[in-house]
C-alpha atoms as a PDB file:
ATOM      1  CA  MET A   1    -107.059 -35.887  69.632  1.00  0.00           C
ATOM      2  CA  VAL A   2    -108.478 -33.271  67.236  1.00  0.00           C
ATOM      3  CA  ASP A   3    -111.929 -33.399  68.876  1.00  0.00           C
ATOM      4  CA  GLU A   4    -110.394 -33.070  72.299  1.00  0.00           C
ATOM      5  CA  CYS A   5    -108.252 -30.111  71.139  1.00  0.00           C
ATOM      6  CA  GLU A   6    -111.396 -28.303  69.903  1.00  0.00           C
ATOM      7  CA  ARG A   7    -113.205 -29.015  73.198  1.00  0.00           C
ATOM      8  CA  TYR A   8    -110.369 -27.844  75.427  1.00  0.00           C
ATOM      9  CA  TYR A   9    -108.760 -25.302  73.132  1.00  0.00           C
ATOM     10  CA  PRO A  10    -109.090 -22.203  75.275  1.00  0.00           C
ATOM     11  CA  VAL A  11    -107.194 -23.918  78.144  1.00  0.00           C
ATOM     12  CA  PHE A  12    -104.903 -25.745  75.756  1.00  0.00           C
ATOM     13  CA  GLN A  13    -103.837 -22.446  74.191  1.00  0.00           C
ATOM     14  CA  PHE A  14    -103.029 -21.062  77.595  1.00  0.00           C
ATOM     15  CA  VAL A  15    -100.900 -23.971  78.810  1.00  0.00           C
ATOM     16  CA  LEU A  16     -99.088 -24.932  75.591  1.00  0.00           C
ATOM     17  CA  TRP A  17     -96.625 -22.035  75.891  1.00  0.00           C
ATOM     18  CA  ALA A  18     -95.423 -23.378  79.271  1.00  0.00           C
ATOM     19  CA  GLY A  19     -92.986 -25.804  77.676  1.00  0.00           C
ATOM     20  CA  LYS A  20     -95.257 -28.839  77.612  1.00  0.00           C
ATOM     21  CA  ARG A  21     -95.511 -31.084  74.664  1.00  0.00           C
ATOM     22  CA  PRO A  22     -98.905 -30.912  72.888  1.00  0.00           C
ATOM     23  CA  THR A  23    -100.124 -34.162  74.435  1.00  0.00           C
ATOM     24  CA  GLU A  24     -99.042 -33.067  77.887  1.00  0.00           C
ATOM     25  CA  ALA A  25    -100.673 -29.704  77.440  1.00  0.00           C
ATOM     26  CA  LEU A  26    -103.917 -31.329  76.309  1.00  0.00           C
ATOM     27  CA  GLU A  27    -103.981 -33.616  79.307  1.00  0.00           C
ATOM     28  CA  LEU A  28    -103.453 -30.722  81.669  1.00  0.00           C
ATOM     29  CA  ALA A  29    -106.010 -28.601  79.802  1.00  0.00           C
ATOM     30  CA  ALA A  30    -108.591 -31.391  80.037  1.00  0.00           C
ATOM     31  CA  GLY A  31    -107.975 -31.676  83.842  1.00  0.00           C
ATOM     32  CA  TYR A  32    -108.582 -27.944  84.237  1.00  0.00           C
ATOM     33  CA  CYS A  33    -111.836 -28.109  82.276  1.00  0.00           C
ATOM     34  CA  ARG A  34    -113.103 -31.140  84.268  1.00  0.00           C
ATOM     35  CA  ARG A  35    -112.528 -29.235  87.503  1.00  0.00           C
ATOM     36  CA  GLY A  36    -114.278 -26.091  86.166  1.00  0.00           C
ATOM     37  CA  MET A  37    -111.074 -24.032  86.277  1.00  0.00           C
ATOM     38  CA  THR A  38    -111.090 -20.960  84.013  1.00  0.00           C
ATOM     39  CA  PRO A  39    -109.145 -21.109  80.775  1.00  0.00           C
ATOM     40  CA  ALA A  40    -107.044 -18.138  81.692  1.00  0.00           C
ATOM     41  CA  PRO A  41    -106.943 -17.394  85.464  1.00  0.00           C
ATOM     42  CA  HIS A  42    -107.920 -14.019  86.847  1.00  0.00           C
ATOM     43  CA  ILE A  43    -104.620 -12.903  88.417  1.00  0.00           C
ATOM     44  CA  LEU A  44    -104.019 -10.322  91.098  1.00  0.00           C
ATOM     45  CA  LEU A  45    -100.363  -9.343  91.092  1.00  0.00           C
ATOM     46  CA  VAL A  46     -99.345  -7.580  94.322  1.00  0.00           C
ATOM     47  CA  GLY A  47     -96.140  -5.701  93.563  1.00  0.00           C
ATOM     48  CA  CYS A  48     -94.722  -4.834  90.148  1.00  0.00           C
ATOM     49  CA  GLY A  49     -90.994  -4.314  90.674  1.00  0.00           C
ATOM     50  CA  LYS A  50     -88.385  -6.144  88.669  1.00  0.00           C
ATOM     51  CA  MET A  51     -89.700  -9.647  89.342  1.00  0.00           C
ATOM     52  CA  GLY A  52     -93.338  -8.736  89.319  1.00  0.00           C
ATOM     53  CA  SER A  53     -93.060  -6.882  86.029  1.00  0.00           C
ATOM     54  CA  ALA A  54     -90.998  -9.806  84.517  1.00  0.00           C
ATOM     55  CA  LEU A  55     -93.839 -12.186  85.398  1.00  0.00           C
ATOM     56  CA  ALA A  56     -96.511  -9.796  84.043  1.00  0.00           C
ATOM     57  CA  ARG A  57     -94.634  -9.355  80.731  1.00  0.00           C
ATOM     58  CA  GLY A  58     -94.224 -13.114  80.498  1.00  0.00           C
ATOM     59  CA  TRP A  59     -97.920 -13.755  80.996  1.00  0.00           C
ATOM     60  CA  ILE A  60     -99.001 -11.089  78.548  1.00  0.00           C
ATOM     61  CA  ALA A  61     -96.460 -12.296  75.938  1.00  0.00           C
ATOM     62  CA  ALA A  62     -97.870 -15.767  76.281  1.00  0.00           C
ATOM     63  CA  GLY A  63    -101.327 -14.529  75.455  1.00  0.00           C
ATOM     64  CA  HIS A  64    -102.859 -13.878  78.897  1.00  0.00           C
ATOM     65  CA  PRO A  65    -105.684 -11.337  78.553  1.00  0.00           C
ATOM     66  CA  PRO A  66    -104.731  -7.949  80.121  1.00  0.00           C
ATOM     67  CA  ASP A  67    -108.240  -7.573  81.468  1.00  0.00           C
ATOM     68  CA  LEU A  68    -107.678 -10.666  83.598  1.00  0.00           C
ATOM     69  CA  LEU A  69    -104.574  -9.208  85.146  1.00  0.00           C
ATOM     70  CA  ASP A  70    -104.976  -6.799  88.007  1.00  0.00           C
ATOM     71  CA  ILE A  71    -101.758  -5.158  89.290  1.00  0.00           C
ATOM     72  CA  VAL A  72    -101.374  -3.524  92.688  1.00  0.00           C
ATOM     73  CA  SER A  73     -98.552  -1.030  92.831  1.00  0.00           C
ATOM     74  CA  PRO A  74     -98.037   2.515  94.133  1.00  0.00           C
ATOM     75  CA  SER A  75     -97.665   3.866  90.613  1.00  0.00           C
ATOM     76  CA  PRO A  76     -99.010   2.687  87.248  1.00  0.00           C
ATOM     77  CA  PRO A  77     -96.910  -0.222  85.937  1.00  0.00           C
ATOM     78  CA  SER A  78     -95.203  -0.236  82.576  1.00  0.00           C
ATOM     79  CA  VAL A  79     -96.964  -3.490  81.589  1.00  0.00           C
ATOM     80  CA  ALA A  80    -100.488  -4.165  80.359  1.00  0.00           C
ATOM     81  CA  GLY A  81    -103.155  -4.787  82.932  1.00  0.00           C
ATOM     82  CA  ARG A  82    -105.616  -3.056  85.262  1.00  0.00           C
ATOM     83  CA  HIS A  83    -103.838  -0.871  87.828  1.00  0.00           C
ATOM     84  CA  TRP A  84    -104.825  -0.613  91.519  1.00  0.00           C
ATOM     85  CA  SER A  85    -103.003   1.589  93.964  1.00  0.00           C
ATOM     86  CA  ALA A  86    -104.195  -0.654  96.788  1.00  0.00           C
ATOM     87  CA  LEU A  87    -105.894  -4.015  97.138  1.00  0.00           C
ATOM     88  CA  PRO A  88    -109.357  -4.130  95.594  1.00  0.00           C
ATOM     89  CA  SER A  89    -112.127  -3.815  98.096  1.00  0.00           C
ATOM     90  CA  GLU A  90    -113.935  -6.863  96.783  1.00  0.00           C
ATOM     91  CA  GLY A  91    -113.689  -9.678  94.225  1.00  0.00           C
ATOM     92  CA  ARG A  92    -112.349 -13.190  94.045  1.00  0.00           C
ATOM     93  CA  TYR A  93    -109.252 -14.206  92.138  1.00  0.00           C
ATOM     94  CA  ASP A  94    -107.915 -17.489  90.674  1.00  0.00           C
ATOM     95  CA  ALA A  95    -104.428 -16.492  91.596  1.00  0.00           C
ATOM     96  CA  LEU A  96    -102.933 -13.951  93.998  1.00  0.00           C
ATOM     97  CA  VAL A  97     -99.218 -13.504  93.172  1.00  0.00           C
ATOM     98  CA  VAL A  98     -97.078 -11.837  95.904  1.00  0.00           C
ATOM     99  CA  ALA A  99     -94.081 -10.049  94.425  1.00  0.00           C
ATOM    100  CA  VAL A 100     -93.189  -7.395  96.974  1.00  0.00           C
ATOM    101  CA  LYS A 101     -90.048  -7.095  99.068  1.00  0.00           C
ATOM    102  CA  PRO A 102     -90.079  -9.462 102.061  1.00  0.00           C
ATOM    103  CA  GLN A 103     -90.356  -6.629 104.565  1.00  0.00           C
ATOM    104  CA  LYS A 104     -93.458  -5.297 102.749  1.00  0.00           C
ATOM    105  CA  VAL A 105     -95.440  -8.565 102.630  1.00  0.00           C
ATOM    106  CA  SER A 106     -97.477  -8.069 105.809  1.00  0.00           C
ATOM    107  CA  GLU A 107     -98.454  -4.533 104.822  1.00  0.00           C
ATOM    108  CA  ALA A 108     -99.170  -5.448 101.203  1.00  0.00           C
ATOM    109  CA  LEU A 109    -101.457  -8.338 102.155  1.00  0.00           C
ATOM    110  CA  THR A 110    -103.500  -6.547 104.763  1.00  0.00           C
ATOM    111  CA  GLY A 111    -107.086  -7.347 103.873  1.00  0.00           C
ATOM    112  CA  ALA A 112    -106.189  -9.907 101.202  1.00  0.00           C
ATOM    113  CA  ALA A 113    -108.255 -12.616 102.913  1.00  0.00           C
ATOM    114  CA  ARG A 114    -111.465 -11.041 101.432  1.00  0.00           C
ATOM    115  CA  LEU A 115    -110.121 -11.755  97.957  1.00  0.00           C
ATOM    116  CA  CYS A 116    -109.073 -15.410  98.527  1.00  0.00           C
ATOM    117  CA  GLY A 117    -110.989 -18.642  98.785  1.00  0.00           C
ATOM    118  CA  THR A 118    -110.344 -22.351  98.355  1.00  0.00           C
ATOM    119  CA  GLY A 119    -110.255 -21.797  94.578  1.00  0.00           C
ATOM    120  CA  THR A 120    -107.593 -19.111  94.880  1.00  0.00           C
ATOM    121  CA  LEU A 121    -103.892 -19.990  94.426  1.00  0.00           C
ATOM    122  CA  VAL A 122    -101.567 -17.825  96.541  1.00  0.00           C
ATOM    123  CA  LEU A 123     -98.114 -17.814  94.846  1.00  0.00           C
ATOM    124  CA  SER A 124     -95.373 -15.936  96.498  1.00  0.00           C
ATOM    125  CA  VAL A 125     -91.990 -14.973  95.026  1.00  0.00           C
ATOM    126  CA  ALA A 126     -91.145 -12.971  98.127  1.00  0.00           C
ATOM    127  CA  ALA A 127     -88.010 -14.401  99.671  1.00  0.00           C
ATOM    128  CA  GLY A 128     -88.010 -15.533 103.219  1.00  0.00           C
ATOM    129  CA  THR A 129     -91.764 -15.429 103.956  1.00  0.00           C
ATOM    130  CA  ALA A 130     -92.936 -18.827 105.122  1.00  0.00           C
ATOM    131  CA  ILE A 131     -95.988 -20.687 103.816  1.00  0.00           C
ATOM    132  CA  ALA A 132     -97.649 -20.562 107.232  1.00  0.00           C
ATOM    133  CA  ARG A 133     -97.252 -16.800 107.337  1.00  0.00           C
ATOM    134  CA  LEU A 134     -98.631 -16.311 103.858  1.00  0.00           C
ATOM    135  CA  ALA A 135    -101.570 -18.568 104.688  1.00  0.00           C
ATOM    136  CA  ALA A 136    -102.334 -16.549 107.775  1.00  0.00           C
ATOM    137  CA  LEU A 137    -102.194 -13.273 105.884  1.00  0.00           C
ATOM    138  CA  THR A 138    -104.555 -14.496 103.147  1.00  0.00           C
ATOM    139  CA  GLY A 139    -107.194 -16.069 105.412  1.00  0.00           C
ATOM    140  CA  GLY A 140    -106.043 -19.634 105.699  1.00  0.00           C
ATOM    141  CA  GLN A 141    -108.359 -21.109 103.050  1.00  0.00           C
ATOM    142  CA  ALA A 142    -106.315 -20.613  99.837  1.00  0.00           C
ATOM    143  CA  PRO A 143    -103.505 -23.078  99.044  1.00  0.00           C
ATOM    144  CA  VAL A 144    -100.078 -21.446  99.098  1.00  0.00           C
ATOM    145  CA  VAL A 145     -97.101 -22.121  96.888  1.00  0.00           C
ATOM    146  CA  ARG A 146     -93.748 -20.430  97.363  1.00  0.00           C
ATOM    147  CA  ALA A 147     -91.392 -19.895  94.415  1.00  0.00           C
ATOM    148  CA  MET A 148     -87.785 -18.734  94.282  1.00  0.00           C
ATOM    149  CA  PRO A 149     -86.991 -17.389  90.809  1.00  0.00           C
ATOM    150  CA  ASN A 150     -83.841 -15.405  89.865  1.00  0.00           C
ATOM    151  CA  THR A 151     -83.086 -12.253  87.943  1.00  0.00           C
ATOM    152  CA  PRO A 152     -82.512 -13.818  84.557  1.00  0.00           C
ATOM    153  CA  SER A 153     -86.313 -14.178  84.645  1.00  0.00           C
ATOM    154  CA  ALA A 154     -86.342 -10.613  83.311  1.00  0.00           C
ATOM    155  CA  ILE A 155     -85.351 -11.980  79.923  1.00  0.00           C
ATOM    156  CA  GLY A 156     -87.210 -15.271  80.142  1.00  0.00           C
ATOM    157  CA  CYS A 157     -84.096 -17.220  81.033  1.00  0.00           C
ATOM    158  CA  GLY A 158     -84.646 -17.759  84.729  1.00  0.00           C
ATOM    159  CA  ILE A 159     -85.126 -20.827  86.836  1.00  0.00           C
ATOM    160  CA  ALA A 160     -87.595 -21.069  89.713  1.00  0.00           C
ATOM    161  CA  ALA A 161     -87.930 -23.707  92.426  1.00  0.00           C
ATOM    162  CA  LEU A 162     -91.317 -24.207  93.957  1.00  0.00           C
ATOM    163  CA  THR A 163     -92.587 -25.729  97.169  1.00  0.00           C
ATOM    164  CA  ALA A 164     -95.989 -26.247  98.785  1.00  0.00           C
ATOM    165  CA  ALA A 165     -97.620 -27.982 101.708  1.00  0.00           C
ATOM    166  CA  ASP A 166     -98.375 -31.665 101.150  1.00  0.00           C
ATOM    167  CA  SER A 167    -102.098 -30.811 101.167  1.00  0.00           C
ATOM    168  CA  THR A 168    -101.884 -28.480  98.185  1.00  0.00           C
ATOM    169  CA  PRO A 169    -104.082 -29.910  95.386  1.00  0.00           C
ATOM    170  CA  GLN A 170    -102.286 -30.978  92.193  1.00  0.00           C
ATOM    171  CA  PRO A 171    -104.295 -28.583  89.989  1.00  0.00           C
ATOM    172  CA  MET A 172    -103.060 -25.672  92.121  1.00  0.00           C
ATOM    173  CA  ARG A 173     -99.474 -26.930  91.833  1.00  0.00           C
ATOM    174  CA  ALA A 174     -99.912 -27.135  88.136  1.00  0.00           C
ATOM    175  CA  ARG A 175    -101.273 -23.516  88.005  1.00  0.00           C
ATOM    176  CA  ALA A 176     -98.325 -22.260  89.983  1.00  0.00           C
ATOM    177  CA  GLU A 177     -95.905 -24.021  87.680  1.00  0.00           C
ATOM    178  CA  LEU A 178     -97.596 -22.627  84.612  1.00  0.00           C
ATOM    179  CA  LEU A 179     -97.492 -19.085  85.930  1.00  0.00           C
ATOM    180  CA  MET A 180     -93.777 -19.385  86.793  1.00  0.00           C
ATOM    181  CA  ARG A 181     -92.852 -20.947  83.408  1.00  0.00           C
ATOM    182  CA  ALA A 182     -93.611 -17.604  81.852  1.00  0.00           C
ATOM    183  CA  VAL A 183     -90.121 -16.501  82.815  1.00  0.00           C
ATOM    184  CA  GLY A 184     -88.048 -19.673  82.631  1.00  0.00           C
ATOM    185  CA  GLU A 185     -87.609 -23.209  83.871  1.00  0.00           C
ATOM    186  CA  THR A 186     -89.264 -24.677  86.892  1.00  0.00           C
ATOM    187  CA  LEU A 187     -88.602 -27.441  89.374  1.00  0.00           C
ATOM    188  CA  TRP A 188     -90.090 -28.599  92.686  1.00  0.00           C
ATOM    189  CA  VAL A 189     -88.469 -29.167  96.081  1.00  0.00           C
ATOM    190  CA  ASP A 190     -90.057 -30.909  98.997  1.00  0.00           C
ATOM    191  CA  THR A 191     -89.502 -28.481 101.888  1.00  0.00           C
ATOM    192  CA  GLU A 192     -88.943 -24.779 102.734  1.00  0.00           C
ATOM    193  CA  ASP A 193     -85.558 -25.794 104.064  1.00  0.00           C
ATOM    194  CA  ALA A 194     -84.645 -26.939 100.633  1.00  0.00           C
ATOM    195  CA  LEU A 195     -85.961 -23.666  99.183  1.00  0.00           C
ATOM    196  CA  ASP A 196     -83.483 -21.855 101.466  1.00  0.00           C
ATOM    197  CA  ALA A 197     -80.696 -23.826  99.746  1.00  0.00           C
ATOM    198  CA  VAL A 198     -82.162 -23.006  96.371  1.00  0.00           C
ATOM    199  CA  THR A 199     -82.193 -19.308  97.323  1.00  0.00           C
ATOM    200  CA  ALA A 200     -78.454 -19.559  98.196  1.00  0.00           C
ATOM    201  CA  VAL A 201     -77.597 -21.263  94.890  1.00  0.00           C
ATOM    202  CA  SER A 202     -79.778 -20.000  92.035  1.00  0.00           C
ATOM    203  CA  GLY A 203     -81.598 -17.097  93.743  1.00  0.00           C
ATOM    204  CA  SER A 204     -78.383 -15.414  94.748  1.00  0.00           C
ATOM    205  CA  GLY A 205     -76.275 -17.150  92.120  1.00  0.00           C
ATOM    206  CA  PRO A 206     -76.504 -14.448  89.468  1.00  0.00           C
ATOM    207  CA  ALA A 207     -74.749 -12.075  91.743  1.00  0.00           C
ATOM    208  CA  TYR A 208     -71.932 -14.530  92.162  1.00  0.00           C
ATOM    209  CA  VAL A 209     -71.640 -14.799  88.380  1.00  0.00           C
ATOM    210  CA  PHE A 210     -71.700 -11.016  87.945  1.00  0.00           C
ATOM    211  CA  HIS A 211     -68.985 -10.664  90.604  1.00  0.00           C
ATOM    212  CA  LEU A 212     -66.959 -13.313  88.685  1.00  0.00           C
ATOM    213  CA  ILE A 213     -67.260 -11.087  85.616  1.00  0.00           C
ATOM    214  CA  GLU A 214     -66.072  -8.127  87.727  1.00  0.00           C
ATOM    215  CA  ALA A 215     -63.112 -10.041  89.178  1.00  0.00           C
ATOM    216  CA  LEU A 216     -62.057 -11.497  85.775  1.00  0.00           C
ATOM    217  CA  ALA A 217     -62.164  -8.055  84.253  1.00  0.00           C
ATOM    218  CA  GLN A 218     -60.133  -6.588  87.092  1.00  0.00           C
ATOM    219  CA  ALA A 219     -57.578  -9.346  86.677  1.00  0.00           C
ATOM    220  CA  GLY A 220     -57.346  -8.455  82.985  1.00  0.00           C
ATOM    221  CA  VAL A 221     -56.605  -4.867  83.884  1.00  0.00           C
ATOM    222  CA  SER A 222     -53.904  -6.072  86.272  1.00  0.00           C
ATOM    223  CA  ALA A 223     -52.501  -8.108  83.351  1.00  0.00           C
ATOM    224  CA  GLY A 224     -52.159  -4.898  81.278  1.00  0.00           C
ATOM    225  CA  LEU A 225     -55.493  -4.665  79.368  1.00  0.00           C
ATOM    226  CA  SER A 226     -57.603  -1.518  79.228  1.00  0.00           C
ATOM    227  CA  ALA A 227     -60.650  -1.568  81.498  1.00  0.00           C
ATOM    228  CA  ASP A 228     -63.142  -1.559  78.599  1.00  0.00           C
ATOM    229  CA  LEU A 229     -61.363  -4.372  76.724  1.00  0.00           C
ATOM    230  CA  ALA A 230     -61.036  -6.518  79.842  1.00  0.00           C
ATOM    231  CA  MET A 231     -64.744  -6.056  80.692  1.00  0.00           C
ATOM    232  CA  ARG A 232     -65.772  -6.923  77.120  1.00  0.00           C
ATOM    233  CA  LEU A 233     -63.654 -10.053  77.234  1.00  0.00           C
ATOM    234  CA  ALA A 234     -64.871 -11.132  80.661  1.00  0.00           C
ATOM    235  CA  ARG A 235     -68.585 -10.566  79.869  1.00  0.00           C
ATOM    236  CA  GLN A 236     -68.548 -12.393  76.512  1.00  0.00           C
ATOM    237  CA  THR A 237     -66.472 -15.244  77.935  1.00  0.00           C
ATOM    238  CA  VAL A 238     -69.161 -15.879  80.661  1.00  0.00           C
ATOM    239  CA  ILE A 239     -71.981 -15.454  78.170  1.00  0.00           C
ATOM    240  CA  GLY A 240     -70.392 -17.754  75.626  1.00  0.00           C
ATOM    241  CA  SER A 241     -69.477 -20.385  78.170  1.00  0.00           C
ATOM    242  CA  ALA A 242     -73.024 -20.400  79.539  1.00  0.00           C
ATOM    243  CA  ARG A 243     -74.449 -20.859  76.091  1.00  0.00           C
ATOM    244  CA  LEU A 244     -71.976 -23.642  75.356  1.00  0.00           C
ATOM    245  CA  ALA A 245     -73.000 -25.426  78.659  1.00  0.00           C
ATOM    246  CA  GLU A 246     -76.651 -24.998  77.737  1.00  0.00           C
ATOM    247  CA  ALA A 247     -76.133 -26.416  74.217  1.00  0.00           C
ATOM    248  CA  SER A 248     -74.043 -29.404  75.339  1.00  0.00           C
ATOM    249  CA  ASP A 249     -75.164 -32.518  77.056  1.00  0.00           C
ATOM    250  CA  ARG A 250     -71.681 -33.015  78.579  1.00  0.00           C
ATOM    251  CA  SER A 251     -70.824 -32.183  82.155  1.00  0.00           C
ATOM    252  CA  ALA A 252     -69.233 -28.954  83.248  1.00  0.00           C
ATOM    253  CA  ALA A 253     -66.183 -30.946  84.294  1.00  0.00           C
ATOM    254  CA  ASP A 254     -65.808 -32.352  80.751  1.00  0.00           C
ATOM    255  CA  LEU A 255     -66.273 -28.931  79.209  1.00  0.00           C
ATOM    256  CA  ARG A 256     -63.599 -27.585  81.546  1.00  0.00           C
ATOM    257  CA  ALA A 257     -61.260 -30.396  80.514  1.00  0.00           C
ATOM    258  CA  ASP A 258     -61.751 -29.506  76.855  1.00  0.00           C
ATOM    259  CA  VAL A 259     -60.138 -26.116  77.504  1.00  0.00           C
ATOM    260  CA  THR A 260     -57.316 -27.483  79.651  1.00  0.00           C
ATOM    261  CA  SER A 261     -54.258 -28.814  77.853  1.00  0.00           C
ATOM    262  CA  PRO A 262     -51.696 -30.507  80.076  1.00  0.00           C
ATOM    263  CA  GLY A 263     -48.976 -28.053  80.875  1.00  0.00           C
ATOM    264  CA  GLY A 264     -50.766 -25.204  79.130  1.00  0.00           C
ATOM    265  CA  THR A 265     -51.906 -21.739  80.199  1.00  0.00           C
ATOM    266  CA  THR A 266     -55.397 -22.847  81.424  1.00  0.00           C
ATOM    267  CA  ALA A 267     -53.816 -25.605  83.524  1.00  0.00           C
ATOM    268  CA  ALA A 268     -51.530 -23.018  85.098  1.00  0.00           C
ATOM    269  CA  GLY A 269     -54.457 -20.753  85.979  1.00  0.00           C
ATOM    270  CA  LEU A 270     -56.570 -23.614  87.319  1.00  0.00           C
ATOM    271  CA  ALA A 271     -53.733 -24.721  89.534  1.00  0.00           C
ATOM    272  CA  VAL A 272     -54.294 -21.503  91.468  1.00  0.00           C
ATOM    273  CA  LEU A 273     -58.081 -21.346  91.156  1.00  0.00           C
ATOM    274  CA  MET A 274     -59.207 -24.917  91.850  1.00  0.00           C
ATOM    275  CA  PRO A 275     -57.687 -25.471  95.331  1.00  0.00           C
ATOM    276  CA  GLU A 276     -59.492 -22.362  96.657  1.00  0.00           C
ATOM    277  CA  LEU A 277     -62.742 -21.879  94.663  1.00  0.00           C
ATOM    278  CA  PRO A 278     -64.735 -24.955  95.834  1.00  0.00           C
ATOM    279  CA  GLU A 279     -64.392 -24.167  99.540  1.00  0.00           C
ATOM    280  CA  LEU A 280     -64.962 -20.421  98.956  1.00  0.00           C
ATOM    281  CA  MET A 281     -68.179 -21.253  97.075  1.00  0.00           C
ATOM    282  CA  ARG A 282     -69.263 -23.718  99.732  1.00  0.00           C
ATOM    283  CA  ARG A 283     -68.912 -21.034 102.383  1.00  0.00           C
ATOM    284  CA  THR A 284     -70.629 -18.443 100.183  1.00  0.00           C
ATOM    285  CA  VAL A 285     -73.685 -20.696  99.644  1.00  0.00           C
ATOM    286  CA  ALA A 286     -73.787 -21.674 103.336  1.00  0.00           C
ATOM    287  CA  ALA A 287     -73.820 -18.028 104.414  1.00  0.00           C
ATOM    288  CA  ALA A 288     -76.640 -17.168 101.978  1.00  0.00           C
ATOM    289  CA  GLN A 289     -78.625 -20.304 103.039  1.00  0.00           C
ATOM    290  CA  ALA A 290     -78.218 -19.409 106.747  1.00  0.00           C
ATOM    291  CA  ARG A 291     -79.515 -15.893 106.086  1.00  0.00           C
ATOM    292  CA  ALA A 292     -82.491 -17.193 104.100  1.00  0.00           C
ATOM    293  CA  ALA A 293     -83.447 -19.462 107.061  1.00  0.00           C
ATOM    294  CA  GLN A 294     -83.032 -16.598 109.486  1.00  0.00           C
ATOM    295  CA  LEU A 295     -85.276 -14.314 107.401  1.00  0.00           C
ATOM    296  CA  ARG A 296     -87.967 -17.002 107.210  1.00  0.00           C
ATOM    297  CA  ALA A 297     -87.834 -17.415 111.026  1.00  0.00           C
ATOM    298  CA  LEU A 298     -88.229 -13.656 111.565  1.00  0.00           C
ATOM    299  CA  ALA A 299     -91.069 -13.107 109.033  1.00  0.00           C
END
């Protein structure tokens, strides 16, 4: 293994941070080298808002060379890399990452086909823009992967679901996964319909959690607490509960039961909440999923 590590070290170094065990990282690195793929891909990031900048920071923190990261944005970004105010007029990239608002995708990718080839991965985190549309905008030769991350990606605690056409080569899928693992966990779904459901659950989910914090704090105020104290209690309760769920291998139902003594205060509160929350959450997710599908159809 030592000899192989020395041979594949440049790629091994790049992929090890992605959460792979050393043996897995070595196997992936060896596959990249056999296929002539560059140790660190030359990335063109189109859009550097909240999600784009989170990705760029994650790549740089993982050791990606800034001179292999070109960033297209109207104003100079706050992250390391080479800035372009518009798409470069020429060149060929290993990865073109689309991180603009959905309504800006067509404009942002005008002329992108000249920068893409069969060896280019097109990775889009733009919600609602279908794979077929992205392929058309980038010339139709480059494989396309769509990803749906969420806002905790800004602190490296996100989760992203990815999907691609069946014809997308495995090395390109691996490249997309490595790029997204810079900001959190990854998983794959089979279809874009499934990605709409992911959008409704984890993509929009942070907003639901933040609203829960708001509602819990407001309830605390109604119970007689000051606004500042109620918000502090609500925020830390959600933060602590999330960390407990992450640290435990027990189900959410089991963790809930741990807090719920028969005839106690929690049981009294849950008697009000539990009959209503599941159906309300089902309708919430269904509405977001329907909107995601609608946006994809319009794009």
